[in-house]
């Protein structure tokens, strides 16, 4: 029975193969020595409105400048808006 489940598992999945043969998935996994553990990390999709690398670098340079060293990002944003400049493009800039 274990051999049948092992043969069918790659095609239909371990759960379906075990259910069809009346075999416990725990037994199947124990005997097959399938390693348990967290799945490999997945890369998150990049948001459409995210900053480009150049824009990100300009924003960080501005935030790390001597002028804004002791200010919160919102204060920097307000100051730059008052001056009529922003380090990002209009479509993706948000406070």
Protein backbone atom coordinates (compact mmCIF):
# COMPACT_ATOMS: atom_id res chain seq x y z
CA UNK A 1 0.00 0.00 0.00
CA UNK A 2 2.86 2.34 0.85
CA UNK A 3 4.44 1.72 -2.55
CA UNK A 4 1.18 2.57 -4.31
CA UNK A 5 0.82 5.78 -2.33
CA UNK A 6 4.44 6.73 -3.09
CA UNK A 7 3.86 6.18 -6.80
CA UNK A 8 0.61 8.14 -6.92
CA UNK A 9 1.64 11.01 -4.62
CA UNK A 10 3.73 12.97 -7.16
CA UNK A 11 0.83 12.95 -9.66
CA UNK A 12 -2.20 13.55 -7.45
CA UNK A 13 -0.67 14.74 -4.19
CA UNK A 14 -0.04 12.91 -0.95
CA UNK A 15 -3.42 13.80 0.55
CA UNK A 16 -5.43 12.44 -2.40
CA UNK A 17 -3.27 9.32 -2.70
CA UNK A 18 -3.61 8.52 1.01
CA UNK A 19 -7.37 9.13 0.99
CA UNK A 20 -7.84 6.87 -2.06
CA UNK A 21 -5.87 4.05 -0.44
CA UNK A 22 -7.19 4.53 3.09
CA UNK A 23 -3.73 5.29 4.42
CA UNK A 24 -3.04 7.86 7.12
CA UNK A 25 -1.00 10.81 5.84
CA UNK A 26 1.02 10.71 9.06
CA UNK A 27 2.00 7.10 8.36
CA UNK A 28 2.80 7.94 4.74
CA UNK A 29 4.99 10.88 5.75
CA UNK A 30 6.73 8.92 8.51
CA UNK A 31 7.57 6.02 6.23
CA UNK A 32 8.46 8.19 3.27
CA UNK A 33 10.70 10.29 5.52
CA UNK A 34 9.42 13.52 3.99
CA UNK A 35 11.12 16.30 5.91
CA UNK A 36 8.88 18.60 7.87
CA UNK A 37 9.58 22.23 8.41
CA UNK A 38 8.62 25.65 7.23
CA UNK A 39 8.22 26.17 3.50
CA UNK A 40 10.96 28.09 1.72
CA UNK A 41 10.57 31.85 1.98
CA UNK A 42 8.61 33.49 -0.82
CA UNK A 43 9.44 36.83 -2.31
CA UNK A 44 6.70 39.38 -1.94
CA UNK A 45 5.54 41.12 -5.08
CA UNK A 46 6.78 44.67 -5.49
CA UNK A 47 3.89 47.14 -5.10
CA UNK A 48 3.04 49.10 -8.24
CA UNK A 49 3.35 52.44 -6.42
CA UNK A 50 6.70 51.71 -4.79
CA UNK A 51 9.62 54.07 -5.28
CA UNK A 52 12.28 53.34 -7.85
CA UNK A 53 15.78 52.73 -6.53
CA UNK A 54 16.84 56.23 -7.60
CA UNK A 55 13.86 57.84 -5.84
CA UNK A 56 14.45 55.75 -2.74
CA UNK A 57 18.10 56.80 -2.65
CA UNK A 58 17.16 60.50 -3.01
CA UNK A 59 14.57 60.26 -0.21
CA UNK A 60 17.05 58.56 2.13
CA UNK A 61 19.77 61.06 1.27
CA UNK A 62 17.37 63.90 2.14
CA UNK A 63 16.26 62.25 5.40
CA UNK A 64 19.88 61.61 6.44
CA UNK A 65 21.05 65.12 5.61
CA UNK A 66 22.29 67.35 8.41
CA UNK A 67 19.31 69.64 7.93
CA UNK A 68 16.76 66.95 8.79
CA UNK A 69 18.84 64.80 11.16
CA UNK A 70 16.55 65.37 14.17
CA UNK A 71 13.19 65.49 12.38
CA UNK A 72 10.54 62.86 11.79
CA UNK A 73 9.76 61.92 8.16
CA UNK A 74 6.41 63.73 8.35
CA UNK A 75 8.15 66.93 9.44
CA UNK A 76 10.61 66.59 6.56
CA UNK A 77 7.71 66.03 4.16
CA UNK A 78 5.88 69.13 5.44
CA UNK A 79 9.02 71.26 5.21
CA UNK A 80 9.72 70.14 1.65
CA UNK A 81 6.11 70.78 0.62
CA UNK A 82 6.29 74.28 2.12
CA UNK A 83 9.41 74.91 0.04
CA UNK A 84 7.69 73.55 -3.08
CA UNK A 85 10.04 70.59 -3.53
CA UNK A 86 9.62 66.86 -3.04
CA UNK A 87 12.23 64.15 -3.47
CA UNK A 88 9.73 61.77 -5.15
CA UNK A 89 7.50 61.79 -8.18
CA UNK A 90 3.98 63.07 -7.63
CA UNK A 91 2.14 59.76 -8.37
CA UNK A 92 3.90 57.79 -5.65
CA UNK A 93 4.43 60.43 -2.99
CA UNK A 94 2.34 60.05 0.12
CA UNK A 95 2.97 61.26 3.67
